[in-house]
Amino acid sequence: MGYKTHNDTFAAIVSYALMNRLRTGILNKMREIVSSANIEKIHLVLSTSSDFTFFLSQGFSKYHDPEIIVYQYDRSDSQKYPWGVSNKALPTSAIIRQTSQEH
């Protein structure tokens, strides 16, 4: 699944209303796919600002969505996605560290 704005610049998301529309669209499409395919876990890699990543993640439901692991991209690391955060894990174990380049 992919979403793209019409403006490819760093400051493409210029208002709360636009962020909210994007989040609603992404979450609705994601939940539609999850429901139709009976998906139990999502590995999510985003190419967006950290602000939007956190805003999108605030819409995840611990009770209604499957486990969603949002991965951090690190250009300087040989392992490009060294860690992620799970929406289902307890806070003490929510950080998921990658041990191989599987994803």
C-alpha atoms as a PDB file:
ATOM      1  CA  MET A   1       0.000   0.000   0.000  1.00  0.00           C
ATOM      2  CA  GLY A   2       1.344   3.441  -0.823  1.00  0.00           C
ATOM      3  CA  TYR A   3       0.251   7.019  -0.336  1.00  0.00           C
ATOM      4  CA  LYS A   4       1.845  10.003  -1.998  1.00  0.00           C
ATOM      5  CA  THR A   5       1.196  13.725  -1.754  1.00  0.00           C
ATOM      6  CA  HIS A   6       1.055  15.894  -4.864  1.00  0.00           C
ATOM      7  CA  ASN A   7       3.889  18.004  -3.491  1.00  0.00           C
ATOM      8  CA  ASP A   8       7.148  16.049  -3.086  1.00  0.00           C
ATOM      9  CA  THR A   9       8.935  18.670  -0.992  1.00  0.00           C
ATOM     10  CA  PHE A  10       9.912  18.254   2.646  1.00  0.00           C
ATOM     11  CA  ALA A  11       7.146  20.648   3.728  1.00  0.00           C
ATOM     12  CA  ALA A  12       4.347  18.947   1.768  1.00  0.00           C
ATOM     13  CA  ILE A  13       2.086  18.563   4.807  1.00  0.00           C
ATOM     14  CA  VAL A  14       1.299  22.141   5.714  1.00  0.00           C
ATOM     15  CA  SER A  15      -1.728  21.942   7.993  1.00  0.00           C
ATOM     16  CA  TYR A  16      -3.379  19.889  10.693  1.00  0.00           C
ATOM     17  CA  ALA A  17      -6.399  19.387   8.413  1.00  0.00           C
ATOM     18  CA  LEU A  18      -4.204  17.831   5.697  1.00  0.00           C
ATOM     19  CA  MET A  19      -2.415  15.610   8.236  1.00  0.00           C
ATOM     20  CA  ASN A  20      -5.761  14.469   9.584  1.00  0.00           C
ATOM     21  CA  ARG A  21      -7.139  13.693   6.089  1.00  0.00           C
ATOM     22  CA  LEU A  22      -4.015  11.695   5.228  1.00  0.00           C
ATOM     23  CA  ARG A  23      -4.127   9.793   8.525  1.00  0.00           C
ATOM     24  CA  THR A  24      -7.826   8.997   8.118  1.00  0.00           C
ATOM     25  CA  GLY A  25      -7.293   7.804   4.542  1.00  0.00           C
ATOM     26  CA  ILE A  26      -4.286   5.652   5.443  1.00  0.00           C
ATOM     27  CA  LEU A  27      -5.967   4.089   8.487  1.00  0.00           C
ATOM     28  CA  ASN A  28      -9.214   3.399   6.603  1.00  0.00           C
ATOM     29  CA  LYS A  29      -7.382   1.738   3.683  1.00  0.00           C
ATOM     30  CA  MET A  30      -5.128  -0.215   6.040  1.00  0.00           C
ATOM     31  CA  ARG A  31      -8.112  -1.504   8.036  1.00  0.00           C
ATOM     32  CA  GLU A  32      -9.963  -2.432   4.843  1.00  0.00           C
ATOM     33  CA  ILE A  33      -6.991  -4.520   3.656  1.00  0.00           C
ATOM     34  CA  VAL A  34      -6.477  -6.064   7.121  1.00  0.00           C
ATOM     35  CA  SER A  35     -10.130  -7.066   7.313  1.00  0.00           C
ATOM     36  CA  SER A  36     -10.329  -8.554   3.819  1.00  0.00           C
ATOM     37  CA  ALA A  37      -7.036 -10.470   4.086  1.00  0.00           C
ATOM     38  CA  ASN A  38      -7.189 -11.405   7.795  1.00  0.00           C
ATOM     39  CA  ILE A  39      -3.777  -9.831   8.457  1.00  0.00           C
ATOM     40  CA  GLU A  40      -2.380 -10.321  11.973  1.00  0.00           C
ATOM     41  CA  LYS A  41       0.809  -8.214  11.834  1.00  0.00           C
ATOM     42  CA  ILE A  42       1.919  -5.191   9.805  1.00  0.00           C
ATOM     43  CA  HIS A  43       5.538  -4.142   9.306  1.00  0.00           C
ATOM     44  CA  LEU A  44       5.345  -0.431   8.462  1.00  0.00           C
ATOM     45  CA  VAL A  45       8.137   1.593   6.882  1.00  0.00           C
ATOM     46  CA  LEU A  46       7.393   5.265   6.280  1.00  0.00           C
ATOM     47  CA  SER A  47       9.170   7.884   4.233  1.00  0.00           C
ATOM     48  CA  THR A  48       7.835  10.934   6.011  1.00  0.00           C
ATOM     49  CA  SER A  49       8.648  13.383   8.748  1.00  0.00           C
ATOM     50  CA  SER A  50       8.895  12.074  12.289  1.00  0.00           C
ATOM     51  CA  ASP A  51       6.047  14.465  13.151  1.00  0.00           C
ATOM     52  CA  PHE A  52       3.696  12.728  10.733  1.00  0.00           C
ATOM     53  CA  THR A  53       4.911   9.279  11.792  1.00  0.00           C
ATOM     54  CA  PHE A  54       3.946  10.013  15.399  1.00  0.00           C
ATOM     55  CA  PHE A  55       0.660  11.627  14.323  1.00  0.00           C
ATOM     56  CA  LEU A  56      -0.271   8.585  12.213  1.00  0.00           C
ATOM     57  CA  SER A  57       0.723   6.199  15.003  1.00  0.00           C
ATOM     58  CA  GLN A  58      -1.579   7.970  17.452  1.00  0.00           C
ATOM     59  CA  GLY A  59      -4.457   6.644  15.340  1.00  0.00           C
ATOM     60  CA  PHE A  60      -3.491   2.988  15.830  1.00  0.00           C
ATOM     61  CA  SER A  61      -5.810   1.068  18.108  1.00  0.00           C
ATOM     62  CA  LYS A  62      -4.306  -1.461  20.492  1.00  0.00           C
ATOM     63  CA  TYR A  63      -7.626  -3.294  20.572  1.00  0.00           C
ATOM     64  CA  HIS A  64      -8.963  -3.014  17.014  1.00  0.00           C
ATOM     65  CA  ASP A  65      -5.847  -3.106  14.816  1.00  0.00           C
ATOM     66  CA  PRO A  66      -3.397  -5.983  14.391  1.00  0.00           C
ATOM     67  CA  GLU A  67       0.122  -5.616  15.734  1.00  0.00           C
ATOM     68  CA  ILE A  68       1.809  -2.790  13.846  1.00  0.00           C
ATOM     69  CA  ILE A  69       5.565  -2.362  14.014  1.00  0.00           C
ATOM     70  CA  VAL A  70       6.742   1.022  12.732  1.00  0.00           C
ATOM     71  CA  TYR A  71      10.415   0.836  11.726  1.00  0.00           C
ATOM     72  CA  GLN A  72      13.054   3.556  11.966  1.00  0.00           C
ATOM     73  CA  TYR A  73      15.139   4.098   8.810  1.00  0.00           C
ATOM     74  CA  ASP A  74      18.822   4.825   9.389  1.00  0.00           C
ATOM     75  CA  ARG A  75      20.762   5.685   6.244  1.00  0.00           C
ATOM     76  CA  SER A  76      24.134   5.473   8.033  1.00  0.00           C
ATOM     77  CA  ASP A  77      23.526   1.990   9.500  1.00  0.00           C
ATOM     78  CA  SER A  78      24.401  -1.103   7.454  1.00  0.00           C
ATOM     79  CA  GLN A  79      21.079  -2.468   8.652  1.00  0.00           C
ATOM     80  CA  LYS A  80      18.725   0.176   7.255  1.00  0.00           C
ATOM     81  CA  TYR A  81      15.841  -0.554   9.665  1.00  0.00           C
ATOM     82  CA  PRO A  82      17.614  -1.329  12.954  1.00  0.00           C
ATOM     83  CA  TRP A  83      14.604  -0.968  15.239  1.00  0.00           C
ATOM     84  CA  GLY A  84      10.865  -0.470  15.352  1.00  0.00           C
ATOM     85  CA  VAL A  85       8.092   0.233  17.841  1.00  0.00           C
ATOM     86  CA  SER A  86       5.160  -2.151  18.362  1.00  0.00           C
ATOM     87  CA  ASN A  87       1.661  -0.929  19.195  1.00  0.00           C
ATOM     88  CA  LYS A  88       0.820  -4.154  21.071  1.00  0.00           C
ATOM     89  CA  ALA A  89       3.870  -4.769  23.239  1.00  0.00           C
ATOM     90  CA  LEU A  90       4.180  -3.571  26.805  1.00  0.00           C
ATOM     91  CA  PRO A  91       6.166  -0.317  27.111  1.00  0.00           C
ATOM     92  CA  THR A  92       9.135  -2.225  28.530  1.00  0.00           C
ATOM     93  CA  SER A  93       9.350  -4.402  25.401  1.00  0.00           C
ATOM     94  CA  ALA A  94       7.821  -2.160  22.698  1.00  0.00           C
ATOM     95  CA  ILE A  95      11.167  -1.507  20.993  1.00  0.00           C
ATOM     96  CA  ILE A  96      11.792  -4.280  18.464  1.00  0.00           C
ATOM     97  CA  ARG A  97      15.469  -4.598  17.506  1.00  0.00           C
ATOM     98  CA  GLN A  98      16.295  -6.164  14.161  1.00  0.00           C
ATOM     99  CA  THR A  99      18.913  -8.889  14.226  1.00  0.00           C
ATOM    100  CA  SER A 100      19.078  -9.422  10.464  1.00  0.00           C
ATOM    101  CA  GLN A 101      18.109  -7.636   7.249  1.00  0.00           C
ATOM    102  CA  GLU A 102      14.838  -9.590   6.878  1.00  0.00           C
ATOM    103  CA  HIS A 103      12.404  -6.669   6.353  1.00  0.00           C
END
